[in-house]
Protein backbone atom coordinates (compact mmCIF):
# COMPACT_ATOMS: atom_id res chain seq x y z
CA MET A 1 -15.27 -80.49 -19.86
CA ALA A 2 -16.46 -81.54 -23.32
CA LYS A 3 -13.78 -82.06 -25.94
CA THR A 4 -13.66 -80.02 -29.15
CA LYS A 5 -14.77 -82.36 -31.95
CA VAL A 6 -12.71 -82.11 -35.16
CA LEU A 7 -13.42 -83.44 -38.65
CA VAL A 8 -10.45 -83.59 -41.06
CA VAL A 9 -11.27 -83.40 -44.78
CA ASP A 10 -8.23 -83.92 -47.03
CA ASP A 11 -7.51 -86.18 -50.00
CA SER A 12 -3.92 -86.73 -48.79
CA ALA A 13 -3.61 -89.88 -46.70
CA VAL A 14 -0.45 -88.42 -45.13
CA VAL A 15 -2.27 -85.28 -43.99
CA ARG A 16 -5.16 -87.27 -42.56
CA GLN A 17 -2.83 -89.66 -40.74
CA VAL A 18 -0.54 -86.98 -39.30
CA LEU A 19 -3.33 -84.60 -38.31
CA SER A 20 -5.17 -87.41 -36.56
CA ALA A 21 -2.00 -88.28 -34.63
CA VAL A 22 -0.94 -84.77 -33.63
CA LEU A 23 -4.42 -83.55 -32.71
CA GLY A 24 -5.03 -86.71 -30.73
CA GLN A 25 -2.16 -85.72 -28.42
CA ASP A 26 -4.25 -82.92 -26.92
CA PRO A 27 -6.75 -84.02 -24.25
CA GLU A 28 -9.13 -81.20 -25.21
CA LEU A 29 -9.47 -82.32 -28.85
CA GLU A 30 -11.19 -85.32 -30.39
CA VAL A 31 -10.88 -86.24 -34.07
CA ILE A 32 -14.32 -87.65 -34.84
CA GLY A 33 -13.72 -88.35 -38.52
CA LEU A 34 -11.29 -88.44 -41.44
CA ALA A 35 -12.76 -87.83 -44.89
CA VAL A 36 -11.09 -88.08 -48.28
CA ASP A 37 -13.31 -85.39 -49.84
CA PRO A 38 -16.46 -83.30 -49.15
CA ILE A 39 -18.77 -86.08 -50.34
CA ALA A 40 -17.36 -88.43 -47.74
CA ALA A 41 -17.40 -85.59 -45.20
CA THR A 42 -21.14 -85.17 -45.76
CA GLU A 43 -21.66 -88.76 -44.61
CA HIS A 44 -19.74 -88.02 -41.42
CA LEU A 45 -21.82 -84.88 -40.83
CA ARG A 46 -25.03 -86.90 -40.96
CA ARG A 47 -23.78 -89.01 -38.06
CA CYS A 48 -22.04 -86.41 -35.90
CA TRP A 49 -21.50 -82.68 -36.31
CA PRO A 50 -18.01 -81.37 -35.41
CA ASP A 51 -17.07 -78.17 -33.62
CA VAL A 52 -14.31 -77.47 -36.18
CA ILE A 53 -13.63 -78.74 -39.70
CA VAL A 54 -10.06 -78.84 -41.05
CA LEU A 55 -10.50 -78.58 -44.81
CA ASP A 56 -8.26 -78.93 -47.86
CA VAL A 57 -9.15 -76.87 -50.95
CA GLU A 58 -8.12 -79.10 -53.87
CA MET A 59 -9.93 -82.44 -53.73
CA PRO A 60 -11.69 -84.85 -56.08
CA ARG A 61 -15.47 -84.97 -56.67
CA MET A 62 -16.07 -81.62 -54.91
CA ASP A 63 -13.52 -78.89 -54.19
CA GLY A 64 -13.19 -77.53 -50.68
CA LEU A 65 -14.34 -74.04 -51.63
CA SER A 66 -17.68 -75.26 -52.98
CA PHE A 67 -18.17 -77.38 -49.86
CA LEU A 68 -17.32 -74.41 -47.64
CA ARG A 69 -19.85 -72.15 -49.34
CA LYS A 70 -22.56 -74.80 -49.04
CA LEU A 71 -21.70 -75.35 -45.38
CA MET A 72 -21.81 -71.64 -44.52
CA ALA A 73 -25.13 -71.20 -46.29
CA GLU A 74 -26.79 -74.16 -44.55
CA ARG A 75 -25.13 -74.54 -41.15
CA PRO A 76 -22.24 -72.15 -40.36
CA THR A 77 -19.41 -74.05 -38.70
CA PRO A 78 -15.83 -72.97 -37.88
CA VAL A 79 -13.53 -74.07 -40.70
CA VAL A 80 -9.73 -74.03 -40.79
CA ILE A 81 -8.25 -74.26 -44.30
CA CYS A 82 -5.10 -76.26 -45.04
CA SER A 83 -3.48 -74.74 -48.14
CA THR A 84 -0.17 -75.23 -49.91
CA LEU A 85 2.35 -72.40 -50.03
CA THR A 86 1.92 -71.42 -53.68
CA GLN A 87 0.58 -68.29 -55.32
CA ALA A 88 -2.38 -70.24 -56.70
CA GLY A 89 -2.98 -71.69 -53.26
CA ALA A 90 -2.84 -68.21 -51.79
CA GLN A 91 -5.61 -66.96 -54.05
CA THR A 92 -7.77 -69.99 -53.32
CA SER A 93 -7.21 -69.58 -49.59
CA LEU A 94 -8.23 -65.92 -49.82
CA ASP A 95 -11.40 -67.04 -51.59
CA ALA A 96 -11.98 -69.44 -48.71
CA LEU A 97 -11.54 -66.70 -46.12
CA ALA A 98 -13.99 -64.57 -48.08
CA ALA A 99 -16.44 -67.49 -48.02
CA GLY A 100 -16.27 -67.70 -44.22
CA ALA A 101 -13.25 -69.80 -43.21
CA VAL A 102 -11.83 -68.74 -39.86
CA ALA A 103 -8.14 -69.31 -40.53
CA VAL A 104 -5.60 -70.71 -42.99
CA LEU A 105 -2.85 -73.15 -42.08
CA ALA A 106 -0.19 -72.88 -44.78
CA LYS A 107 1.48 -76.18 -45.64
CA PRO A 108 4.42 -76.80 -47.99
CA LYS A 109 4.28 -79.07 -51.05
CA VAL A 110 7.33 -81.03 -49.90
CA GLY A 111 8.31 -82.18 -46.42
CA LEU A 112 4.63 -82.18 -45.48
CA LYS A 113 4.72 -84.86 -42.79
CA GLN A 114 7.67 -83.28 -40.97
CA PHE A 115 6.10 -79.83 -41.26
CA LEU A 116 2.83 -80.95 -39.68
CA GLU A 117 4.62 -82.82 -36.90
CA THR A 118 6.82 -79.83 -36.01
CA SER A 119 3.86 -77.41 -36.17
CA THR A 120 1.78 -79.25 -33.59
CA SER A 121 1.47 -76.28 -31.23
CA GLU A 122 0.27 -73.95 -33.99
CA LEU A 123 -2.15 -76.54 -35.35
CA ILE A 124 -3.71 -77.23 -31.98
CA SER A 125 -3.96 -73.58 -30.92
CA THR A 126 -5.48 -72.58 -34.28
CA ILE A 127 -8.15 -75.28 -34.03
CA LYS A 128 -8.97 -74.32 -30.44
CA MET A 129 -9.20 -70.69 -31.50
CA ALA A 130 -11.50 -71.64 -34.37
CA ALA A 131 -13.79 -73.48 -31.98
CA GLY A 132 -14.34 -70.19 -30.18
CA ALA A 133 -14.76 -68.09 -33.32
CA ASN A 134 -17.88 -66.01 -33.67
CA VAL A 135 -19.25 -67.63 -36.84
CA ARG A 136 -22.53 -68.16 -35.01
CA ARG A 137 -22.15 -64.95 -33.01
CA ARG A 138 -21.53 -67.00 -29.89
CA PRO A 139 -18.40 -65.67 -28.15
CA ARG A 140 -16.38 -68.38 -26.46
CA LYS A 141 -13.07 -68.52 -24.66
CA VAL A 142 -10.12 -67.85 -26.97
CA VAL A 143 -7.04 -70.01 -26.37
CA PRO A 144 -3.85 -67.98 -26.87
CA LEU A 145 -0.99 -69.28 -28.96
CA GLU A 146 1.79 -70.59 -26.73
CA VAL A 147 5.41 -70.19 -27.76
CA GLU A 148 8.64 -70.54 -25.84
CA GLU A 149 10.16 -67.19 -26.75
CA ARG A 150 8.39 -63.87 -27.09
CA HIS A 151 9.82 -60.62 -28.42
CA THR A 152 8.53 -57.08 -28.04
CA ALA A 153 8.82 -54.29 -30.58
CA ASP A 154 12.16 -53.32 -29.00
CA VAL A 155 13.94 -55.90 -31.18
CA ILE A 156 12.89 -53.99 -34.31
CA LEU A 157 12.43 -50.39 -33.20
CA PRO A 158 13.68 -49.01 -29.85
CA PHE A 159 11.15 -47.11 -27.79
CA HIS A 160 11.59 -43.39 -27.22
CA PRO A 161 9.09 -41.18 -25.38
CA GLU A 162 9.47 -38.04 -27.49
CA ARG A 163 6.38 -37.06 -29.42
CA ALA A 164 6.44 -36.83 -33.19
CA LEU A 165 6.90 -33.40 -34.71
CA ALA A 166 3.77 -31.96 -36.27
CA GLU A 167 4.97 -29.95 -39.26
CA THR A 168 2.53 -31.83 -41.48
CA THR A 169 -1.25 -32.00 -41.37
CA GLU A 170 -1.40 -35.22 -43.40
CA ARG A 171 -3.26 -37.91 -41.47
CA VAL A 172 -2.25 -41.54 -41.23
CA VAL A 173 -4.52 -44.44 -40.35
CA ALA A 174 -2.80 -47.54 -38.94
CA ILE A 175 -4.82 -50.75 -38.77
CA GLY A 176 -3.95 -54.10 -37.21
CA ALA A 177 -5.95 -57.28 -37.67
CA SER A 178 -5.64 -61.05 -37.50
CA THR A 179 -8.24 -63.83 -37.48
CA GLY A 180 -11.34 -62.63 -39.33
CA GLY A 181 -9.49 -59.58 -40.54
CA THR A 182 -9.49 -60.30 -44.27
CA LEU A 183 -13.24 -59.85 -44.61
CA ALA A 184 -13.35 -57.06 -42.02
CA LEU A 185 -10.63 -55.11 -43.81
CA GLU A 186 -12.39 -55.55 -47.15
CA GLN A 187 -15.56 -54.07 -45.67
CA VAL A 188 -13.74 -51.09 -44.19
CA LEU A 189 -11.39 -50.26 -47.06
CA SER A 190 -14.02 -50.74 -49.76
CA SER A 191 -16.21 -48.19 -47.96
CA LEU A 192 -13.57 -45.45 -48.15
CA PRO A 193 -13.76 -42.75 -50.86
CA ARG A 194 -10.94 -42.20 -53.33
CA LEU A 195 -9.32 -39.37 -51.31
CA ALA A 196 -9.41 -41.05 -47.93
CA PRO A 197 -6.49 -40.60 -45.53
CA ALA A 198 -3.41 -42.75 -46.12
CA VAL A 199 -3.66 -46.20 -44.55
CA VAL A 200 -1.05 -48.69 -43.37
CA VAL A 201 -2.17 -52.22 -42.50
CA VAL A 202 -0.78 -55.27 -40.76
CA GLN A 203 -2.91 -58.36 -41.35
CA HIS A 204 -1.48 -61.60 -40.02
CA MET A 205 -1.19 -64.06 -42.91
CA PRO A 206 1.44 -66.25 -44.60
CA GLU A 207 4.05 -64.43 -46.66
CA THR A 208 2.89 -65.80 -50.01
CA PHE A 209 -0.65 -64.55 -49.41
CA THR A 210 -0.28 -60.80 -48.92
CA ALA A 211 0.34 -59.82 -52.54
CA ALA A 212 -2.81 -61.66 -53.62
CA PHE A 213 -4.71 -60.14 -50.70
CA ALA A 214 -3.65 -56.61 -51.65
CA SER A 215 -4.59 -57.26 -55.28
CA ARG A 216 -7.99 -58.56 -54.21
CA LEU A 217 -8.65 -55.44 -52.13
CA ASN A 218 -7.43 -53.15 -54.89
CA ALA A 219 -10.01 -54.64 -57.25
CA VAL A 220 -12.95 -53.78 -54.95
CA CYS A 221 -11.78 -50.49 -53.42
CA GLU A 222 -11.88 -46.90 -54.69
CA ILE A 223 -8.57 -46.27 -52.95
CA GLU A 224 -5.38 -47.88 -54.25
CA VAL A 225 -4.30 -50.94 -52.26
CA VAL A 226 -0.85 -52.47 -52.73
CA GLU A 227 1.60 -54.69 -50.89
CA ALA A 228 4.16 -52.39 -49.29
CA LYS A 229 7.74 -52.12 -50.52
CA ARG A 230 10.65 -50.36 -48.85
CA GLY A 231 10.60 -46.64 -49.62
CA ASP A 232 6.94 -46.50 -50.74
CA ARG A 233 5.48 -43.08 -50.04
CA LEU A 234 2.26 -42.96 -48.07
CA THR A 235 -0.27 -40.60 -49.64
CA PRO A 236 -4.02 -39.93 -49.35
CA GLY A 237 -6.12 -42.42 -51.26
CA LYS A 238 -3.60 -45.23 -50.81
CA ALA A 239 -3.36 -48.23 -48.48
CA LEU A 240 -0.16 -50.21 -47.97
CA ILE A 241 -0.42 -53.82 -46.77
CA ALA A 242 2.51 -55.25 -44.81
CA PRO A 243 4.15 -58.12 -46.73
CA GLY A 244 3.98 -61.47 -44.97
CA GLY A 245 7.19 -62.46 -43.25
CA LYS A 246 8.42 -58.85 -42.88
CA HIS A 247 7.82 -56.03 -40.42
CA LEU A 248 6.30 -52.77 -41.69
CA LEU A 249 7.37 -49.43 -40.22
CA LEU A 250 6.29 -45.86 -40.88
CA ARG A 251 9.10 -43.32 -41.33
CA ARG A 252 9.10 -39.54 -41.53
CA SER A 253 10.92 -37.72 -44.35
CA GLY A 254 10.42 -34.00 -43.86
CA ALA A 255 6.69 -33.39 -44.19
CA GLN A 256 6.13 -36.71 -45.93
CA TYR A 257 5.63 -40.28 -44.77
CA GLN A 258 7.16 -43.38 -46.27
CA VAL A 259 7.45 -46.97 -45.15
CA ASP A 260 10.26 -49.36 -44.43
CA VAL A 261 10.06 -53.13 -44.74
CA VAL A 262 12.53 -54.98 -42.52
CA ASP A 263 13.52 -58.46 -41.42
CA GLY A 264 13.68 -59.48 -37.80
CA PRO A 265 12.33 -62.00 -35.31
CA PRO A 266 8.60 -62.34 -34.68
CA VAL A 267 7.24 -59.72 -32.30
CA SER A 268 4.25 -60.56 -30.10
CA ARG A 269 4.39 -63.93 -31.90
CA HIS A 270 3.98 -62.42 -35.37
CA ARG A 271 5.91 -61.16 -38.37
CA PRO A 272 4.58 -58.72 -39.49
CA SER A 273 3.64 -57.44 -36.06
CA VAL A 274 0.97 -54.87 -35.29
CA ASP A 275 3.00 -53.73 -32.26
CA VAL A 276 5.94 -52.82 -34.52
CA LEU A 277 3.75 -50.87 -36.94
CA PHE A 278 1.89 -49.04 -34.18
CA ARG A 279 5.10 -48.07 -32.38
CA SER A 280 6.57 -46.66 -35.60
CA VAL A 281 3.36 -44.70 -36.26
CA ALA A 282 3.43 -43.31 -32.72
CA GLN A 283 6.98 -42.09 -33.28
CA ALA A 284 6.58 -40.81 -36.84
CA ALA A 285 3.05 -39.41 -36.88
CA GLY A 286 1.99 -38.94 -33.27
CA ARG A 287 -1.24 -36.96 -32.98
CA ASN A 288 -1.66 -36.94 -36.77
CA ALA A 289 -2.52 -40.64 -36.62
CA LEU A 290 -5.55 -42.80 -36.01
CA GLY A 291 -4.93 -46.32 -34.70
CA ILE A 292 -7.48 -49.11 -35.15
CA ILE A 293 -7.21 -52.60 -33.73
CA MET A 294 -9.55 -55.16 -35.22
CA THR A 295 -10.64 -58.78 -34.88
CA GLY A 296 -7.89 -61.23 -34.02
CA MET A 297 -6.46 -63.79 -31.66
CA GLY A 298 -3.91 -62.90 -28.98
CA ASP A 299 -2.62 -59.49 -27.93
CA ASP A 300 -0.46 -58.21 -30.81
CA GLY A 301 -1.05 -54.49 -31.17
CA ALA A 302 -2.26 -53.76 -27.63
CA ALA A 303 1.07 -52.37 -26.43
CA GLY A 304 1.66 -50.45 -29.65
CA LEU A 305 -1.83 -48.92 -29.62
CA LEU A 306 -1.21 -47.68 -26.09
CA GLU A 307 1.98 -46.01 -27.31
CA MET A 308 -0.01 -44.36 -30.12
CA LYS A 309 -2.54 -43.05 -27.60
CA GLN A 310 0.21 -41.74 -25.35
CA ALA A 311 1.71 -39.97 -28.39
CA GLY A 312 -1.56 -38.12 -28.93
CA ALA A 313 -3.17 -40.33 -31.57
CA ARG A 314 -6.85 -41.21 -31.58
CA THR A 315 -7.41 -44.94 -30.99
CA LEU A 316 -10.33 -47.23 -31.78
CA ALA A 317 -11.14 -50.91 -31.36
CA GLN A 318 -13.60 -53.07 -33.24
CA ASP A 319 -16.35 -54.02 -30.80
CA GLU A 320 -16.93 -57.55 -29.53
CA ALA A 321 -20.24 -58.06 -31.34
CA SER A 322 -18.69 -57.60 -34.79
CA CYS A 323 -15.41 -59.47 -34.17
CA VAL A 324 -14.83 -63.03 -35.32
CA VAL A 325 -12.36 -63.36 -32.43
CA TYR A 326 -12.43 -60.69 -29.71
CA GLY A 327 -8.85 -61.19 -28.56
CA MET A 328 -6.64 -58.34 -29.78
CA PRO A 329 -9.27 -55.60 -29.24
CA LYS A 330 -10.15 -56.98 -25.82
CA GLU A 331 -6.51 -56.87 -24.69
CA ALA A 332 -6.09 -53.31 -25.99
CA VAL A 333 -9.23 -52.19 -24.12
CA LYS A 334 -7.99 -53.92 -20.95
CA ARG A 335 -4.70 -51.99 -21.13
CA GLY A 336 -6.44 -48.64 -21.51
CA ALA A 337 -5.19 -48.18 -25.07
CA VAL A 338 -8.61 -47.58 -26.68
CA ASP A 339 -10.54 -44.32 -26.78
CA ARG A 340 -13.70 -46.01 -28.07
CA SER A 341 -14.95 -49.38 -29.31
CA VAL A 342 -17.16 -49.22 -32.40
CA GLY A 343 -18.89 -51.66 -34.73
CA LEU A 344 -17.26 -52.83 -37.94
CA ASP A 345 -19.77 -50.89 -40.05
CA GLN A 346 -18.79 -47.64 -38.30
CA LEU A 347 -15.04 -47.79 -38.85
CA ALA A 348 -15.00 -46.24 -42.35
CA ASP A 349 -16.98 -43.24 -41.07
CA GLU A 350 -14.57 -42.92 -38.15
CA ILE A 351 -11.65 -42.84 -40.58
CA MET A 352 -13.27 -40.08 -42.60
CA SER A 353 -14.51 -38.06 -39.61
CA GLU A 354 -12.79 -34.88 -38.52
CA ARG A 355 -10.51 -35.18 -35.57
CA SER A 356 -12.30 -34.26 -32.37
């Protein structure tokens, strides 16, 4: 079996050294080059083209974002961004995702070497996932993230089989996404009219990124898009984005909906977790809800979407052809949680369509 070839582009000698060491531990990966900046990376690319590029964003001579845009215009290649955990870094990383990067690995400004060494499993699984990303529309095997301990939504919100009461006719749309979701969500939400149904979203991303992500969406959407806060009311024409590092739940208050933002362990490997959101929507909104699971790695959301369907909600999945990574939707379909799979460009119309 051929190894996945990786090129690391980072002006930090520490990052280059540690990434080369930790990635070299995996027999399925081969680091074929270490470049101090995009100019040096271009020389490597002339000799050997990698399967995945690990790219910093702030570098001398040419910044990573300019290099990424050039790369995607000339020869699309899976790119994983390494970005520092700062608000400025968050915005730059969002720009990189918009330009075509597959994923972002958030790194701290201090304790970098120790962080990279202790995050070996995440680094390796993210790079393997990126190698199978659909940037060339060539679906490949997705390697799931392996962790020692796995929680279900029970640790945040106990399951109960009773269906939600239906005193209200207000509709709620719950969306879950991961890898590739930032661009996909922008396409869907920016296509909605001002008085679209209320939307709640879990997008897997680092906790310092979600406020900038919500602000970015708000600037291009007719609907209002904000990072969710505890007690926010959910109303038509508004989308609430789960804050990174917290779980988002839908609550019922009489005939109105509001959200809760809570701490807790990762569920289905993530915090925020799509499973937690979907379970809360099943319990609070039931058949007044529409659940949508979109592009992403792993299976977060599959169990929760099934609970939504069993509670009477309509459920959709983004189809394989339009997914960057067909992991989460595939698992939901396999479990019988999905009424229909549709293309990315159809999801806004589905949200606005009358309930069948």
